[in-house]
Protein backbone atom coordinates (compact mmCIF):
# COMPACT_ATOMS: atom_id res chain seq x y z
CA MET A 1 51.03 2.01 -6.85
CA PRO A 2 52.24 -1.33 -8.26
CA ALA A 3 55.91 -2.12 -8.08
CA LEU A 4 57.66 -5.21 -9.37
CA THR A 5 59.91 -6.73 -6.75
CA ARG A 6 59.96 -10.29 -8.05
CA VAL A 7 58.66 -12.33 -10.94
CA ASP A 8 55.21 -13.35 -9.85
CA ALA A 9 52.35 -15.32 -11.30
CA TRP A 10 50.78 -12.26 -12.91
CA LEU A 11 53.65 -11.92 -15.39
CA VAL A 12 53.32 -15.59 -16.33
CA LEU A 13 49.57 -15.12 -16.71
CA LEU A 14 50.12 -12.02 -18.84
CA PHE A 15 52.54 -13.91 -21.08
CA ALA A 16 50.10 -16.82 -21.45
CA ALA A 17 47.18 -14.51 -22.25
CA LEU A 18 49.19 -12.62 -24.85
CA LEU A 19 50.41 -15.86 -26.38
CA TRP A 20 46.85 -17.16 -26.59
CA ALA A 21 45.64 -13.89 -28.11
CA ALA A 22 48.39 -13.82 -30.71
CA ARG A 23 47.68 -17.41 -31.73
CA SER A 24 43.89 -17.30 -31.78
CA VAL A 25 42.99 -13.77 -32.80
CA SER A 26 45.64 -12.92 -35.38
CA ASP A 27 46.56 -16.54 -36.23
CA VAL A 28 50.34 -16.04 -36.36
CA ALA A 29 52.95 -18.79 -36.20
CA TRP A 30 54.21 -20.05 -32.81
CA PRO A 31 57.69 -18.43 -32.94
CA ARG A 32 56.23 -15.06 -33.81
CA ALA A 33 53.51 -15.37 -31.17
CA VAL A 34 56.11 -16.20 -28.51
CA ALA A 35 58.22 -13.22 -29.60
CA ILE A 36 55.25 -10.86 -29.44
CA ALA A 37 54.13 -12.11 -26.03
CA ALA A 38 57.68 -12.01 -24.64
CA SER A 39 58.36 -8.50 -25.87
CA ILE A 40 55.13 -7.05 -24.49
CA THR A 41 55.64 -8.84 -21.16
CA ALA A 42 59.23 -7.55 -20.96
CA LEU A 43 58.07 -4.02 -21.77
CA TYR A 44 55.39 -4.20 -19.08
CA SER A 45 57.74 -5.57 -16.41
CA SER A 46 60.46 -3.03 -17.21
CA THR A 47 57.89 -0.26 -16.94
CA LEU A 48 56.89 -1.57 -13.52
CA LEU A 49 60.54 -1.55 -12.46
CA LEU A 50 60.78 2.16 -13.29
CA LEU A 51 57.80 3.09 -11.12
CA PRO A 52 58.56 4.30 -7.60
CA ALA A 53 57.88 1.71 -4.92
């Protein structure tokens, strides 16, 4: 079972992939794309923190 113990490269990769997807697929502005990618990454990492180790 995955557990988040530190910020690793996967979270950075997830943020970058979401940022790319928001910019290229839905063609939103940079500030909104950053906000979308940051919120989904934060939701994912907080969910991992709640999982048992």
